[in-house]
N, C-alpha and C. Protein backbone atom coordinates (compact mmCIF):
# COMPACT_ATOMS: atom_id res chain seq x y z
N MET A 1 25.17 0.50 24.62
CA MET A 1 24.77 0.75 23.26
C MET A 1 23.47 0.57 23.19
N LYS A 2 22.77 -0.40 24.04
CA LYS A 2 21.48 -1.53 24.02
C LYS A 2 20.73 -0.21 25.06
N LEU A 3 21.65 0.12 25.67
CA LEU A 3 20.68 1.29 27.04
C LEU A 3 20.23 2.46 26.25
N LEU A 4 20.80 2.51 25.13
CA LEU A 4 20.69 3.94 24.76
C LEU A 4 19.75 3.55 23.11
N ILE A 5 19.80 2.86 22.53
CA ILE A 5 18.63 2.47 21.55
C ILE A 5 17.49 2.09 22.72
N THR A 6 17.06 1.57 23.72
CA THR A 6 16.20 1.17 24.59
C THR A 6 15.64 2.73 24.79
N ALA A 7 16.15 3.60 25.54
CA ALA A 7 16.02 4.74 25.53
C ALA A 7 15.22 5.62 24.45
N ALA A 8 16.16 5.73 23.45
CA ALA A 8 15.91 6.52 21.93
C ALA A 8 14.10 5.68 21.32
N VAL A 9 14.02 4.46 21.09
CA VAL A 9 12.93 4.32 21.19
C VAL A 9 11.54 4.57 21.97
N LEU A 10 12.01 4.49 23.85
CA LEU A 10 11.20 4.54 24.54
C LEU A 10 10.43 6.09 24.45
N SER A 11 11.48 7.18 24.62
CA SER A 11 10.83 9.05 24.12
C SER A 11 10.70 8.78 22.64
N ALA A 12 10.97 8.05 21.64
CA ALA A 12 10.39 8.66 20.56
C ALA A 12 9.03 7.96 20.64
N THR A 13 8.52 6.23 21.21
CA THR A 13 6.99 5.97 21.32
C THR A 13 6.41 7.91 22.81
N ILE A 14 6.96 8.16 23.51
CA ILE A 14 6.16 8.72 24.08
C ILE A 14 6.05 10.09 23.41
N LEU A 15 6.68 11.09 22.53
CA LEU A 15 6.57 11.63 22.27
C LEU A 15 5.48 11.67 21.03
N THR A 16 5.67 10.28 20.45
CA THR A 16 4.40 10.29 18.94
C THR A 16 3.14 9.79 19.52
N ALA A 17 3.17 9.70 20.88
CA ALA A 17 1.74 9.22 21.37
C ALA A 17 0.61 9.98 21.24
N PRO A 18 0.79 11.47 21.54
CA PRO A 18 -0.70 12.71 21.49
C PRO A 18 -0.37 12.45 19.78
N ALA A 19 0.28 12.56 18.72
CA ALA A 19 -0.08 12.57 17.39
C ALA A 19 -1.06 11.35 17.00
N MET A 20 -0.66 10.00 17.46
CA MET A 20 -1.18 9.06 17.11
C MET A 20 -2.85 9.34 17.95
N ALA A 21 -3.05 9.67 18.77
CA ALA A 21 -4.15 10.05 19.87
C ALA A 21 -5.41 11.26 18.75
N LEU A 22 -4.53 11.86 17.99
CA LEU A 22 -5.29 13.16 16.96
C LEU A 22 -5.78 11.89 16.22
N SER A 23 -5.55 11.00 15.61
CA SER A 23 -6.12 10.18 14.29
C SER A 23 -6.35 10.59 13.10
N ILE A 24 -5.22 11.82 12.95
CA ILE A 24 -5.33 12.57 11.60
C ILE A 24 -5.79 11.40 10.75
N ASP A 25 -6.89 11.71 9.91
CA ASP A 25 -7.55 11.54 8.99
C ASP A 25 -5.96 11.09 7.34
N THR A 26 -5.40 9.97 7.26
CA THR A 26 -4.66 9.67 6.35
C THR A 26 -5.41 8.78 4.91
N SER A 27 -6.62 9.09 4.85
CA SER A 27 -6.81 8.40 3.52
C SER A 27 -6.61 8.94 1.95
N ASN A 28 -6.51 9.98 2.42
CA ASN A 28 -6.49 11.25 1.23
C ASN A 28 -4.82 11.19 0.46
N LEU A 29 -4.06 10.52 1.52
CA LEU A 29 -1.92 10.45 1.35
C LEU A 29 -2.04 9.66 -0.01
N THR A 30 -3.47 8.48 -0.73
CA THR A 30 -2.59 7.78 -1.77
C THR A 30 -4.19 7.84 -3.07
N ARG A 31 -3.82 7.65 -3.61
CA ARG A 31 -4.89 7.87 -4.55
C ARG A 31 -5.68 6.24 -4.52
N THR A 32 -7.14 5.91 -4.63
CA THR A 32 -7.64 4.98 -5.04
C THR A 32 -7.12 4.00 -6.52
N LEU A 33 -6.96 3.48 -6.44
CA LEU A 33 -6.45 2.71 -8.05
C LEU A 33 -7.91 1.96 -8.13
N THR A 34 -8.62 1.67 -9.68
CA THR A 34 -9.36 1.84 -10.47
C THR A 34 -9.09 1.38 -11.58
N PHE A 35 -9.35 0.38 -11.82
CA PHE A 35 -9.31 -0.43 -13.04
C PHE A 35 -9.97 -0.83 -14.28
N PRO A 36 -10.24 -0.78 -15.57
CA PRO A 36 -10.80 -0.74 -16.06
C PRO A 36 -11.94 -2.21 -16.94
N SER A 37 -12.93 -2.70 -16.68
CA SER A 37 -13.22 -3.80 -17.15
C SER A 37 -12.54 -4.15 -18.19
N PRO A 38 -12.06 -5.12 -18.16
CA PRO A 38 -11.69 -5.90 -19.51
C PRO A 38 -12.86 -6.40 -20.78
N ILE A 39 -11.98 -6.08 -22.36
CA ILE A 39 -13.39 -5.87 -22.95
C ILE A 39 -13.64 -7.38 -23.09
N THR A 40 -14.22 -7.84 -23.68
CA THR A 40 -14.49 -9.68 -24.12
C THR A 40 -14.22 -9.26 -25.16
N GLU A 41 -13.55 -10.78 -25.97
CA GLU A 41 -13.33 -10.48 -27.64
C GLU A 41 -13.34 -11.98 -28.01
N PRO A 42 -14.18 -11.80 -28.86
CA PRO A 42 -14.63 -13.32 -29.32
C PRO A 42 -13.08 -13.97 -30.05
N VAL A 43 -12.92 -15.34 -29.10
CA VAL A 43 -12.22 -15.84 -29.21
C VAL A 43 -12.35 -16.88 -30.69
N THR A 44 -11.61 -17.40 -31.77
CA THR A 44 -12.04 -18.45 -32.57
C THR A 44 -11.02 -19.59 -32.52
N GLN A 45 -10.95 -20.41 -33.43
CA GLN A 45 -9.87 -21.51 -32.97
C GLN A 45 -8.83 -20.89 -34.46
N ASP A 46 -9.33 -19.73 -35.47
CA ASP A 46 -8.15 -19.70 -36.22
C ASP A 46 -7.38 -18.47 -36.19
N GLN A 47 -8.03 -17.56 -35.20
CA GLN A 47 -7.37 -16.54 -34.58
C GLN A 47 -5.96 -16.92 -33.94
N VAL A 48 -5.56 -17.81 -33.72
CA VAL A 48 -4.05 -17.61 -32.50
C VAL A 48 -3.69 -19.20 -33.41
N LYS A 49 -2.78 -19.05 -33.72
CA LYS A 49 -1.90 -20.26 -33.85
C LYS A 49 -0.75 -20.47 -33.34
N PRO A 50 -0.09 -21.10 -32.24
CA PRO A 50 1.36 -21.54 -32.07
C PRO A 50 1.92 -21.72 -33.39
N ALA A 51 3.66 -21.22 -32.83
CA ALA A 51 4.56 -21.57 -33.41
C ALA A 51 5.26 -22.57 -33.54
N LYS A 52 5.48 -23.48 -34.54
CA LYS A 52 6.15 -25.28 -34.19
C LYS A 52 7.65 -24.95 -34.73
């Protein structure tokens, strides 16, 4: 079983090596996340009161 797994890994590595050598551009597979800038709000002492 160990020999079978080793052979499978080595053959997969050999078969995928040409595809990795092509260096296919994968930068467009996921979107770039952008976040809006936070809105600054004035904080006053009377605005929020903790519950007792």
